[in-house]
């Protein structure tokens, strides 16, 4: 089943970023987008994840064409089916790490998975305030919060940027297992080509075109 389809996406700000970008992603698949800084990777991710409208073209998520959805339907889609992970953590600073996960669990009618905390190596610090955690620990809490939602699609922009190489690879193991087991999908934006090659498909944004390299 196709869970993400991009058709002829074109976008520019002060200068053209990309033109006529098209691809599909099926359930159980992950894809990575690589390219130099300023090539438009994050902008493309924002368009795919409903945060930005393209100048031209269309995006279909889970069978729903985004441009045809009402604002309320977009909000429901983001809340129920999408998981967004950014290098900036966007955690609730006045809460403990566990309370951040509880909010995600409550909104999605799920429970906090203790095994997930162990897999991310945060079970010993989960009761601490977010502001007491290191950048790497906050990033792992952010990843746990998204996976607690059980999203159908994960959009991740440099999600391992604050992690060392070994931990980054462990996080990719976790993403891969989740995508395959839950028949979800993931779009990863990264500068790390080793990390990107862990995905089922790899695309490079180059000279305004999206080229498949794997």
N, C-alpha and C. Protein backbone atom coordinates (compact mmCIF):
# COMPACT_ATOMS: atom_id res chain seq x y z
N UNK A 1 0.85 -1.20 0.00
CA UNK A 1 0.00 0.00 0.00
C UNK A 1 0.88 1.25 0.00
N UNK A 2 0.56 2.19 -0.88
CA UNK A 2 1.27 3.47 -0.92
C UNK A 2 0.75 4.36 0.20
N UNK A 3 1.67 4.83 1.07
CA UNK A 3 1.23 5.70 2.17
C UNK A 3 1.67 7.14 1.97
N UNK A 4 2.59 7.37 1.04
CA UNK A 4 3.03 8.74 0.74
C UNK A 4 3.31 8.84 -0.75
N UNK A 5 2.72 9.84 -1.38
CA UNK A 5 2.96 10.08 -2.80
C UNK A 5 3.16 11.56 -3.05
N UNK A 6 4.28 11.89 -3.67
CA UNK A 6 4.57 13.26 -4.07
C UNK A 6 4.48 13.35 -5.59
N UNK A 7 3.77 14.36 -6.08
CA UNK A 7 3.57 14.52 -7.52
C UNK A 7 4.00 15.91 -7.97
N UNK A 8 5.08 15.96 -8.74
CA UNK A 8 5.52 17.18 -9.43
C UNK A 8 5.66 18.37 -8.48
N UNK A 9 6.28 18.16 -7.33
CA UNK A 9 6.46 19.24 -6.36
C UNK A 9 7.52 20.22 -6.84
N UNK A 10 7.18 21.50 -6.78
CA UNK A 10 8.10 22.58 -7.14
C UNK A 10 8.00 23.65 -6.06
N UNK A 11 9.16 24.16 -5.63
CA UNK A 11 9.12 25.20 -4.60
C UNK A 11 10.34 26.10 -4.69
N UNK A 12 10.12 27.35 -4.30
CA UNK A 12 11.22 28.32 -4.27
C UNK A 12 10.93 29.35 -3.19
N UNK A 13 11.98 29.98 -2.70
CA UNK A 13 11.86 31.14 -1.82
C UNK A 13 12.42 32.33 -2.59
N UNK A 14 13.61 32.81 -2.23
CA UNK A 14 14.25 33.86 -3.02
C UNK A 14 14.90 33.29 -4.27
N UNK A 15 15.07 31.98 -4.29
CA UNK A 15 15.68 31.29 -5.44
C UNK A 15 15.04 29.91 -5.54
N UNK A 16 15.06 29.28 -6.72
CA UNK A 16 14.44 27.97 -6.88
C UNK A 16 15.15 26.92 -6.02
N UNK A 17 14.37 26.07 -5.34
CA UNK A 17 14.93 24.99 -4.53
C UNK A 17 14.87 23.66 -5.26
N UNK A 18 13.68 23.28 -5.71
CA UNK A 18 13.55 22.03 -6.45
C UNK A 18 12.38 22.12 -7.41
N UNK A 19 12.41 21.25 -8.40
CA UNK A 19 11.45 21.31 -9.49
C UNK A 19 11.00 19.90 -9.86
N UNK A 20 9.68 19.73 -9.99
CA UNK A 20 9.08 18.50 -10.51
C UNK A 20 9.53 17.25 -9.73
N UNK A 21 9.45 17.33 -8.41
CA UNK A 21 9.84 16.21 -7.55
C UNK A 21 8.67 15.25 -7.39
N UNK A 22 8.90 13.98 -7.73
CA UNK A 22 7.85 12.96 -7.61
C UNK A 22 8.47 11.67 -7.07
N UNK A 23 7.73 10.98 -6.20
CA UNK A 23 8.15 9.66 -5.70
C UNK A 23 6.99 9.07 -4.90
N UNK A 24 7.12 7.79 -4.56
CA UNK A 24 6.15 7.13 -3.70
C UNK A 24 6.88 6.38 -2.59
N UNK A 25 6.18 6.20 -1.48
CA UNK A 25 6.70 5.42 -0.36
C UNK A 25 5.59 4.48 0.09
N UNK A 26 5.95 3.20 0.21
CA UNK A 26 4.97 2.20 0.60
C UNK A 26 5.07 1.90 2.09
N UNK A 27 4.03 1.30 2.65
CA UNK A 27 4.07 0.94 4.06
C UNK A 27 5.19 -0.09 4.28
N UNK A 28 5.85 0.04 5.43
CA UNK A 28 6.98 -0.83 5.73
C UNK A 28 8.28 -0.39 5.13
N UNK A 29 8.30 0.82 4.50
CA UNK A 29 9.51 1.33 3.86
C UNK A 29 10.01 2.60 4.54
N UNK A 30 11.33 2.79 4.45
CA UNK A 30 11.94 4.04 4.88
C UNK A 30 12.69 4.65 3.71
N UNK A 31 12.79 5.97 3.70
CA UNK A 31 13.56 6.64 2.66
C UNK A 31 14.35 7.79 3.28
N UNK A 32 15.49 8.07 2.69
CA UNK A 32 16.33 9.17 3.16
C UNK A 32 16.50 10.18 2.04
N UNK A 33 16.59 11.45 2.41
CA UNK A 33 16.88 12.53 1.48
C UNK A 33 18.18 13.18 1.92
N UNK A 34 19.18 13.16 1.04
CA UNK A 34 20.48 13.75 1.32
C UNK A 34 20.73 14.89 0.34
N UNK A 35 21.78 15.65 0.61
CA UNK A 35 22.13 16.78 -0.25
C UNK A 35 22.86 17.84 0.55
N UNK A 36 23.49 18.76 -0.14
CA UNK A 36 24.27 19.80 0.53
C UNK A 36 23.33 20.75 1.26
N UNK A 37 23.88 21.50 2.21
CA UNK A 37 23.10 22.51 2.92
C UNK A 37 22.54 23.54 1.94
N UNK A 38 21.27 23.88 2.12
CA UNK A 38 20.64 24.85 1.24
C UNK A 38 20.01 24.26 0.00
N UNK A 39 20.10 22.94 -0.15
CA UNK A 39 19.54 22.32 -1.36
C UNK A 39 18.02 22.18 -1.29
N UNK A 40 17.45 22.33 -0.09
CA UNK A 40 15.99 22.27 0.03
C UNK A 40 15.47 21.03 0.73
N UNK A 41 16.36 20.26 1.37
CA UNK A 41 15.93 19.00 2.01
C UNK A 41 14.86 19.24 3.08
N UNK A 42 15.15 20.17 3.99
CA UNK A 42 14.20 20.43 5.08
C UNK A 42 12.90 21.04 4.55
N UNK A 43 13.00 21.89 3.55
CA UNK A 43 11.79 22.46 2.95
C UNK A 43 10.92 21.37 2.34
N UNK A 44 11.55 20.43 1.65
CA UNK A 44 10.79 19.32 1.07
C UNK A 44 10.13 18.50 2.18
N UNK A 45 10.85 18.26 3.27
CA UNK A 45 10.27 17.52 4.39
C UNK A 45 9.08 18.26 4.97
N UNK A 46 9.18 19.59 5.09
CA UNK A 46 8.07 20.37 5.63
C UNK A 46 6.85 20.29 4.71
N UNK A 47 7.06 20.25 3.43
CA UNK A 47 5.94 20.10 2.50
C UNK A 47 5.30 18.72 2.64
N UNK A 48 6.12 17.69 2.70
CA UNK A 48 5.61 16.32 2.81
C UNK A 48 4.85 16.10 4.11
N UNK A 49 5.26 16.81 5.17
CA UNK A 49 4.67 16.58 6.49
C UNK A 49 3.58 17.58 6.84
N UNK A 50 3.04 18.27 5.87
CA UNK A 50 1.88 19.17 5.98
C UNK A 50 2.20 20.55 6.57
N UNK A 51 3.47 20.84 6.84
CA UNK A 51 3.82 22.10 7.49
C UNK A 51 3.97 23.27 6.51
N UNK A 52 4.02 22.97 5.22
CA UNK A 52 4.24 24.00 4.21
C UNK A 52 3.54 23.57 2.92
N UNK A 53 2.94 24.51 2.24
CA UNK A 53 2.32 24.22 0.95
C UNK A 53 3.32 24.45 -0.18
N UNK A 54 3.38 23.55 -1.15
CA UNK A 54 4.30 23.74 -2.27
C UNK A 54 3.78 24.83 -3.22
N UNK A 55 4.70 25.42 -3.98
CA UNK A 55 4.27 26.36 -5.03
C UNK A 55 3.46 25.64 -6.09
N UNK A 56 3.91 24.44 -6.42
CA UNK A 56 3.20 23.62 -7.42
C UNK A 56 3.29 22.16 -6.99
N UNK A 57 2.36 21.35 -7.50
CA UNK A 57 2.36 19.92 -7.22
C UNK A 57 1.47 19.55 -6.05
N UNK A 58 1.47 18.27 -5.70
CA UNK A 58 0.57 17.79 -4.65
C UNK A 58 1.22 16.66 -3.86
N UNK A 59 0.72 16.49 -2.63
CA UNK A 59 1.16 15.42 -1.73
C UNK A 59 -0.06 14.66 -1.27
N UNK A 60 0.02 13.33 -1.32
CA UNK A 60 -1.04 12.47 -0.83
C UNK A 60 -0.49 11.62 0.30
N UNK A 61 -1.09 11.76 1.50
CA UNK A 61 -0.69 10.98 2.67
C UNK A 61 -1.82 10.05 3.07
N UNK A 62 -1.51 8.76 3.16
CA UNK A 62 -2.50 7.78 3.61
C UNK A 62 -3.79 7.90 2.81
N UNK A 63 -3.63 8.12 1.50
CA UNK A 63 -4.78 8.20 0.61
C UNK A 63 -5.50 9.53 0.61
N UNK A 64 -4.97 10.53 1.35
CA UNK A 64 -5.63 11.83 1.44
C UNK A 64 -4.77 12.89 0.75
N UNK A 65 -5.34 13.56 -0.24
CA UNK A 65 -4.62 14.62 -0.94
C UNK A 65 -4.65 15.87 -0.08
N UNK A 66 -3.45 16.33 0.34
CA UNK A 66 -3.37 17.35 1.39
C UNK A 66 -4.06 18.65 1.02
N UNK A 67 -3.89 19.08 -0.24
CA UNK A 67 -4.44 20.38 -0.62
C UNK A 67 -5.97 20.40 -0.58
N UNK A 68 -6.59 19.22 -0.56
CA UNK A 68 -8.06 19.15 -0.54
C UNK A 68 -8.63 19.07 0.87
N UNK A 69 -7.75 18.93 1.87
CA UNK A 69 -8.22 18.76 3.24
C UNK A 69 -8.54 20.10 3.90
N UNK A 70 -9.56 20.10 4.73
CA UNK A 70 -9.86 21.26 5.56
C UNK A 70 -8.86 21.33 6.71
N UNK A 71 -8.74 22.51 7.32
CA UNK A 71 -7.78 22.68 8.41
C UNK A 71 -7.99 21.69 9.53
N UNK A 72 -9.24 21.41 9.89
CA UNK A 72 -9.54 20.48 10.97
C UNK A 72 -9.04 19.08 10.63
N UNK A 73 -9.22 18.68 9.36
CA UNK A 73 -8.77 17.36 8.93
C UNK A 73 -7.24 17.28 8.94
N UNK A 74 -6.58 18.38 8.59
CA UNK A 74 -5.12 18.42 8.65
C UNK A 74 -4.62 18.27 10.08
N UNK A 75 -5.27 18.96 11.01
CA UNK A 75 -4.90 18.86 12.42
C UNK A 75 -5.07 17.42 12.91
N UNK A 76 -6.16 16.77 12.54
CA UNK A 76 -6.40 15.39 12.95
C UNK A 76 -5.36 14.45 12.36
N UNK A 77 -4.98 14.70 11.11
CA UNK A 77 -3.96 13.87 10.46
C UNK A 77 -2.63 13.99 11.19
N UNK A 78 -2.24 15.23 11.51
CA UNK A 78 -0.98 15.43 12.24
C UNK A 78 -1.03 14.77 13.61
N UNK A 79 -2.15 14.92 14.29
CA UNK A 79 -2.26 14.41 15.66
C UNK A 79 -2.27 12.89 15.71
N UNK A 80 -2.98 12.27 14.77
CA UNK A 80 -3.23 10.84 14.85
C UNK A 80 -2.24 9.98 14.07
N UNK A 81 -1.70 10.50 12.99
CA UNK A 81 -0.97 9.63 12.06
C UNK A 81 0.48 10.02 11.79
N UNK A 82 0.86 11.26 12.13
CA UNK A 82 2.20 11.72 11.78
C UNK A 82 3.07 11.89 13.01
N UNK A 83 4.34 11.53 12.88
CA UNK A 83 5.32 11.76 13.93
C UNK A 83 6.43 12.62 13.39
N UNK A 84 6.67 13.79 13.99
CA UNK A 84 7.67 14.73 13.51
C UNK A 84 8.83 14.81 14.50
N UNK A 85 10.03 14.58 14.02
CA UNK A 85 11.23 14.64 14.86
C UNK A 85 12.19 15.63 14.23
N UNK A 86 12.60 16.64 15.01
CA UNK A 86 13.52 17.65 14.52
C UNK A 86 14.76 17.68 15.41
N UNK A 87 15.81 18.31 14.91
CA UNK A 87 17.03 18.42 15.70
C UNK A 87 16.78 19.28 16.94
N UNK A 88 15.91 20.28 16.83
CA UNK A 88 15.44 21.00 18.01
C UNK A 88 14.34 20.17 18.64
N UNK A 89 14.39 19.99 19.94
CA UNK A 89 13.59 18.94 20.56
C UNK A 89 12.12 19.29 20.74
N UNK A 90 11.82 20.58 21.00
CA UNK A 90 10.44 21.03 21.22
C UNK A 90 9.76 20.25 22.34
N UNK A 91 10.51 19.93 23.39
CA UNK A 91 9.92 19.28 24.56
C UNK A 91 9.33 20.35 25.48
N UNK A 92 8.41 19.93 26.34
CA UNK A 92 7.84 20.84 27.33
C UNK A 92 8.86 21.01 28.45
N UNK A 93 9.44 22.21 28.54
CA UNK A 93 10.59 22.43 29.42
C UNK A 93 10.24 22.33 30.90
N UNK A 94 9.01 22.65 31.29
CA UNK A 94 8.64 22.61 32.69
C UNK A 94 8.29 21.22 33.19
N UNK A 95 8.28 20.24 32.26
CA UNK A 95 7.88 18.88 32.58
C UNK A 95 9.10 17.98 32.75
N UNK A 96 8.90 16.85 33.38
CA UNK A 96 9.92 15.81 33.37
C UNK A 96 9.90 15.12 32.01
N UNK A 97 10.92 14.35 31.74
CA UNK A 97 10.95 13.59 30.49
C UNK A 97 9.75 12.64 30.41
N UNK A 98 9.44 11.99 31.52
CA UNK A 98 8.32 11.04 31.53
C UNK A 98 6.99 11.75 31.29
N UNK A 99 6.83 12.93 31.87
CA UNK A 99 5.59 13.68 31.66
C UNK A 99 5.41 14.07 30.20
N UNK A 100 6.52 14.35 29.51
CA UNK A 100 6.44 14.62 28.08
C UNK A 100 5.89 13.41 27.33
N UNK A 101 6.33 12.22 27.73
CA UNK A 101 5.83 11.01 27.08
C UNK A 101 4.37 10.74 27.45
N UNK A 102 4.01 11.05 28.69
CA UNK A 102 2.63 10.84 29.12
C UNK A 102 1.66 11.70 28.31
N UNK A 103 2.06 12.92 27.99
CA UNK A 103 1.20 13.79 27.18
C UNK A 103 0.97 13.15 25.81
N UNK A 104 2.04 12.66 25.18
CA UNK A 104 1.91 12.00 23.87
C UNK A 104 1.04 10.76 23.97
N UNK A 105 1.22 9.98 25.04
CA UNK A 105 0.43 8.77 25.23
C UNK A 105 -1.05 9.09 25.42
N UNK A 106 -1.33 10.12 26.20
CA UNK A 106 -2.71 10.51 26.47
C UNK A 106 -3.41 10.97 25.19
N UNK A 107 -2.73 11.82 24.42
CA UNK A 107 -3.35 12.36 23.21
C UNK A 107 -3.59 11.29 22.15
N UNK A 108 -2.77 10.25 22.15
CA UNK A 108 -2.90 9.20 21.14
C UNK A 108 -3.58 7.94 21.69
N UNK A 109 -4.01 8.00 22.96
CA UNK A 109 -4.70 6.87 23.60
C UNK A 109 -3.82 5.63 23.62
N UNK A 110 -2.54 5.84 23.88
CA UNK A 110 -1.59 4.74 24.02
C UNK A 110 -0.99 4.77 25.42
N UNK A 111 -0.04 3.87 25.66
CA UNK A 111 0.67 3.83 26.93
C UNK A 111 2.15 4.01 26.68
N UNK A 112 2.86 4.52 27.67
CA UNK A 112 4.31 4.65 27.56
C UNK A 112 4.92 3.26 27.61
N UNK A 113 5.76 2.96 26.63
CA UNK A 113 6.38 1.63 26.48
C UNK A 113 7.72 1.62 27.22
N UNK A 114 7.78 0.87 28.31
CA UNK A 114 9.01 0.82 29.10
C UNK A 114 10.16 0.21 28.29
N UNK A 115 9.85 -0.72 27.40
CA UNK A 115 10.89 -1.33 26.57
C UNK A 115 11.53 -0.29 25.66
N UNK A 116 10.71 0.65 25.17
CA UNK A 116 11.21 1.73 24.33
C UNK A 116 12.22 2.59 25.09
N UNK A 117 11.93 2.87 26.35
CA UNK A 117 12.84 3.68 27.16
C UNK A 117 14.18 2.97 27.32
N UNK A 118 14.14 1.66 27.52
CA UNK A 118 15.37 0.88 27.66
C UNK A 118 16.15 0.85 26.35
N UNK A 119 15.43 0.71 25.24
CA UNK A 119 16.08 0.68 23.93
C UNK A 119 16.82 1.97 23.64
N UNK A 120 16.28 3.09 24.13
CA UNK A 120 16.89 4.40 23.90
C UNK A 120 17.87 4.79 25.01
N UNK A 121 17.97 3.96 26.04
CA UNK A 121 18.92 4.23 27.12
C UNK A 121 18.56 5.42 27.99
N UNK A 122 17.26 5.67 28.18
CA UNK A 122 16.84 6.82 28.97
C UNK A 122 16.04 6.42 30.21
N UNK A 123 15.97 5.11 30.49
CA UNK A 123 15.14 4.68 31.61
C UNK A 123 15.64 5.21 32.96
N UNK A 124 16.95 5.49 33.07
CA UNK A 124 17.51 5.96 34.33
C UNK A 124 17.30 7.46 34.56
N UNK A 125 16.98 8.20 33.51
CA UNK A 125 16.85 9.67 33.63
C UNK A 125 15.44 10.14 33.32
N UNK A 126 14.52 9.20 33.13
CA UNK A 126 13.21 9.55 32.61
C UNK A 126 12.39 10.42 33.57
N UNK A 127 12.68 10.38 34.87
CA UNK A 127 11.93 11.18 35.84
C UNK A 127 12.55 12.56 36.06
N UNK A 128 13.68 12.83 35.42
CA UNK A 128 14.32 14.13 35.58
C UNK A 128 13.64 15.19 34.71
N UNK A 129 13.77 16.45 35.14
CA UNK A 129 13.26 17.55 34.33
C UNK A 129 14.01 17.60 33.00
N UNK A 130 13.32 17.99 31.98
CA UNK A 130 13.93 18.07 30.65
C UNK A 130 15.17 18.96 30.68
N UNK A 131 15.10 20.05 31.44
CA UNK A 131 16.22 21.00 31.48
C UNK A 131 17.46 20.44 32.18
N UNK A 132 17.31 19.32 32.86
CA UNK A 132 18.44 18.68 33.54
C UNK A 132 19.15 17.67 32.65
N UNK A 133 18.61 17.42 31.49
CA UNK A 133 19.15 16.40 30.59
C UNK A 133 20.12 17.02 29.59
N UNK A 134 21.06 16.19 29.13
CA UNK A 134 21.97 16.63 28.07
C UNK A 134 21.22 16.73 26.75
N UNK A 135 21.86 17.34 25.76
CA UNK A 135 21.24 17.46 24.45
C UNK A 135 20.92 16.10 23.84
N UNK A 136 21.83 15.15 23.99
CA UNK A 136 21.60 13.81 23.46
C UNK A 136 20.46 13.11 24.16
N UNK A 137 20.35 13.28 25.48
CA UNK A 137 19.25 12.67 26.23
C UNK A 137 17.92 13.30 25.83
N UNK A 138 17.91 14.61 25.65
CA UNK A 138 16.68 15.28 25.21
C UNK A 138 16.26 14.78 23.84
N UNK A 139 17.23 14.56 22.97
CA UNK A 139 16.89 14.07 21.63
C UNK A 139 16.27 12.68 21.70
N UNK A 140 16.80 11.83 22.58
CA UNK A 140 16.24 10.49 22.71
C UNK A 140 14.85 10.51 23.33
N UNK A 141 14.61 11.45 24.24
CA UNK A 141 13.26 11.63 24.78
C UNK A 141 12.31 12.08 23.67
N UNK A 142 12.78 12.99 22.81
CA UNK A 142 11.98 13.47 21.69
C UNK A 142 11.60 12.31 20.76
N UNK A 143 12.56 11.43 20.49
CA UNK A 143 12.29 10.26 19.65
C UNK A 143 11.29 9.34 20.32
N UNK A 144 11.46 9.11 21.64
CA UNK A 144 10.53 8.26 22.39
C UNK A 144 9.12 8.84 22.37
N UNK A 145 9.03 10.17 22.49
CA UNK A 145 7.71 10.81 22.49
C UNK A 145 6.99 10.56 21.17
N UNK A 146 7.71 10.66 20.06
CA UNK A 146 7.09 10.43 18.76
C UNK A 146 6.68 8.97 18.60
N UNK A 147 7.53 8.03 18.98
CA UNK A 147 7.20 6.62 18.82
C UNK A 147 6.07 6.19 19.75
N UNK A 148 5.91 6.90 20.87
CA UNK A 148 4.80 6.61 21.79
C UNK A 148 3.46 6.84 21.11
N UNK A 149 3.42 7.77 20.15
CA UNK A 149 2.19 8.05 19.41
C UNK A 149 1.78 6.93 18.47
N UNK A 150 2.72 6.04 18.14
CA UNK A 150 2.49 4.99 17.14
C UNK A 150 2.07 5.59 15.80
N UNK A 151 2.87 6.50 15.24
CA UNK A 151 2.47 7.16 13.99
C UNK A 151 2.54 6.23 12.78
N UNK A 152 1.74 6.50 11.79
CA UNK A 152 1.82 5.75 10.52
C UNK A 152 2.97 6.24 9.67
N UNK A 153 3.34 7.52 9.84
CA UNK A 153 4.44 8.10 9.07
C UNK A 153 5.32 8.92 10.00
N UNK A 154 6.62 8.67 9.94
CA UNK A 154 7.60 9.44 10.71
C UNK A 154 8.36 10.35 9.74
N UNK A 155 8.42 11.63 10.08
CA UNK A 155 9.23 12.59 9.34
C UNK A 155 10.33 13.08 10.27
N UNK A 156 11.57 12.81 9.91
CA UNK A 156 12.69 13.07 10.82
C UNK A 156 13.75 13.93 10.12
N UNK A 157 14.01 15.10 10.69
CA UNK A 157 15.00 16.04 10.14
C UNK A 157 16.23 16.02 11.04
N UNK A 158 17.29 15.37 10.59
CA UNK A 158 18.53 15.24 11.38
C UNK A 158 18.24 14.75 12.81
N UNK A 159 17.50 13.63 12.96
CA UNK A 159 17.08 13.21 14.30
C UNK A 159 18.22 12.72 15.18
N UNK A 160 19.36 12.39 14.58
CA UNK A 160 20.48 11.88 15.37
C UNK A 160 21.63 12.88 15.43
N UNK A 161 21.35 14.15 15.12
CA UNK A 161 22.40 15.15 15.06
C UNK A 161 23.12 15.38 16.38
N UNK A 162 22.43 15.12 17.50
CA UNK A 162 23.04 15.32 18.82
C UNK A 162 23.55 14.02 19.44
N UNK A 163 23.58 12.95 18.64
CA UNK A 163 23.96 11.64 19.17
C UNK A 163 25.30 11.20 18.59
N UNK A 164 26.04 10.41 19.36
CA UNK A 164 27.28 9.84 18.84
C UNK A 164 26.94 8.75 17.81
N UNK A 165 27.95 8.32 17.07
CA UNK A 165 27.72 7.42 15.93
C UNK A 165 27.06 6.12 16.36
N UNK A 166 27.55 5.50 17.42
CA UNK A 166 27.00 4.21 17.84
C UNK A 166 25.54 4.35 18.27
N UNK A 167 25.24 5.41 19.03
CA UNK A 167 23.86 5.63 19.47
C UNK A 167 22.96 5.93 18.28
N UNK A 168 23.48 6.69 17.31
CA UNK A 168 22.71 6.99 16.10
C UNK A 168 22.33 5.71 15.37
N UNK A 169 23.25 4.79 15.28
CA UNK A 169 22.97 3.52 14.60
C UNK A 169 21.95 2.69 15.38
N UNK A 170 22.02 2.75 16.70
CA UNK A 170 21.03 2.05 17.53
C UNK A 170 19.64 2.65 17.33
N UNK A 171 19.58 3.97 17.22
CA UNK A 171 18.30 4.63 16.97
C UNK A 171 17.75 4.23 15.60
N UNK A 172 18.63 4.12 14.61
CA UNK A 172 18.18 3.67 13.29
C UNK A 172 17.67 2.24 13.33
N UNK A 173 18.28 1.40 14.15
CA UNK A 173 17.77 0.04 14.34
C UNK A 173 16.34 0.09 14.86
N UNK A 174 16.11 0.99 15.81
CA UNK A 174 14.79 1.14 16.42
C UNK A 174 13.77 1.63 15.39
N UNK A 175 14.14 2.65 14.62
CA UNK A 175 13.26 3.15 13.56
C UNK A 175 12.92 2.04 12.57
N UNK A 176 13.95 1.31 12.15
CA UNK A 176 13.75 0.27 11.14
C UNK A 176 12.80 -0.81 11.65
N UNK A 177 13.00 -1.23 12.89
CA UNK A 177 12.13 -2.26 13.47
C UNK A 177 10.70 -1.75 13.57
N UNK A 178 10.54 -0.49 13.98
CA UNK A 178 9.20 0.08 14.10
C UNK A 178 8.50 0.14 12.75
N UNK A 179 9.19 0.64 11.74
CA UNK A 179 8.59 0.79 10.41
C UNK A 179 8.16 -0.56 9.86
N UNK A 180 9.01 -1.58 10.03
CA UNK A 180 8.69 -2.90 9.49
C UNK A 180 7.57 -3.57 10.28
N UNK A 181 7.66 -3.52 11.62
CA UNK A 181 6.70 -4.23 12.46
C UNK A 181 5.32 -3.59 12.39
N UNK A 182 5.26 -2.26 12.40
CA UNK A 182 3.99 -1.55 12.44
C UNK A 182 3.49 -1.14 11.06
N UNK A 183 4.18 -1.60 10.02
CA UNK A 183 3.79 -1.26 8.64
C UNK A 183 3.62 0.24 8.49
N UNK A 184 4.59 0.96 9.04
CA UNK A 184 4.60 2.41 8.96
C UNK A 184 5.53 2.84 7.83
N UNK A 185 5.86 4.13 7.79
CA UNK A 185 6.81 4.65 6.81
C UNK A 185 7.66 5.72 7.47
N UNK A 186 8.83 5.97 6.93
CA UNK A 186 9.69 7.02 7.48
C UNK A 186 10.38 7.78 6.36
N UNK A 187 10.41 9.10 6.49
CA UNK A 187 11.19 9.97 5.62
C UNK A 187 12.24 10.64 6.50
N UNK A 188 13.50 10.39 6.17
CA UNK A 188 14.63 10.89 6.96
C UNK A 188 15.43 11.89 6.14
N UNK A 189 15.67 13.07 6.71
CA UNK A 189 16.59 14.04 6.12
C UNK A 189 17.87 14.02 6.94
N UNK A 190 19.00 13.84 6.28
CA UNK A 190 20.26 13.75 7.02
C UNK A 190 21.44 14.16 6.15
N UNK A 191 22.52 14.62 6.81
CA UNK A 191 23.78 14.85 6.12
C UNK A 191 24.66 13.60 6.16
N UNK A 192 24.29 12.64 6.99
CA UNK A 192 25.09 11.45 7.23
C UNK A 192 24.73 10.36 6.21
N UNK A 193 25.58 10.18 5.21
CA UNK A 193 25.26 9.23 4.15
C UNK A 193 25.28 7.79 4.65
N UNK A 194 26.11 7.48 5.65
CA UNK A 194 26.09 6.14 6.23
C UNK A 194 24.73 5.85 6.85
N UNK A 195 24.21 6.85 7.54
CA UNK A 195 22.88 6.72 8.15
C UNK A 195 21.82 6.58 7.07
N UNK A 196 21.92 7.40 6.04
CA UNK A 196 20.94 7.38 4.97
C UNK A 196 20.87 6.01 4.29
N UNK A 197 22.02 5.39 4.10
CA UNK A 197 22.05 4.11 3.40
C UNK A 197 21.41 2.98 4.20
N UNK A 198 21.08 3.24 5.45
CA UNK A 198 20.34 2.26 6.24
C UNK A 198 18.88 2.18 5.78
N UNK A 199 18.42 3.20 5.06
CA UNK A 199 17.03 3.24 4.61
C UNK A 199 16.82 2.39 3.36
N UNK A 200 15.58 2.05 3.08
CA UNK A 200 15.27 1.23 1.91
C UNK A 200 15.53 1.98 0.61
N UNK A 201 15.22 3.29 0.62
CA UNK A 201 15.43 4.12 -0.56
C UNK A 201 16.22 5.36 -0.15
N UNK A 202 17.08 5.82 -1.04
CA UNK A 202 17.86 7.03 -0.78
C UNK A 202 17.76 7.94 -1.99
N UNK A 203 17.45 9.22 -1.73
CA UNK A 203 17.36 10.23 -2.78
C UNK A 203 18.31 11.38 -2.47
N UNK A 204 18.87 11.99 -3.51
CA UNK A 204 19.73 13.14 -3.35
C UNK A 204 19.10 14.34 -4.05
N UNK A 205 18.98 15.46 -3.31
CA UNK A 205 18.56 16.71 -3.92
C UNK A 205 19.78 17.40 -4.50
N UNK A 206 19.79 17.56 -5.81
CA UNK A 206 20.97 18.12 -6.48
C UNK A 206 20.51 18.90 -7.70
N UNK A 207 20.93 20.17 -7.75
CA UNK A 207 20.60 21.04 -8.88
C UNK A 207 19.09 21.01 -9.17
N UNK A 208 18.31 21.19 -8.10
CA UNK A 208 16.85 21.32 -8.14
C UNK A 208 16.10 20.05 -8.52
N UNK A 209 16.83 18.94 -8.59
CA UNK A 209 16.20 17.67 -8.94
C UNK A 209 16.40 16.65 -7.80
N UNK A 210 15.44 15.75 -7.66
CA UNK A 210 15.55 14.66 -6.70
C UNK A 210 15.94 13.40 -7.46
N UNK A 211 17.16 12.92 -7.18
CA UNK A 211 17.71 11.77 -7.88
C UNK A 211 17.75 10.57 -6.94
N UNK A 212 17.23 9.43 -7.37
CA UNK A 212 17.29 8.24 -6.53
C UNK A 212 18.68 7.59 -6.67
N UNK A 213 19.34 7.36 -5.54
CA UNK A 213 20.68 6.77 -5.56
C UNK A 213 20.69 5.38 -4.94
N UNK A 214 19.55 4.96 -4.39
CA UNK A 214 19.41 3.59 -3.87
C UNK A 214 17.95 3.18 -3.99
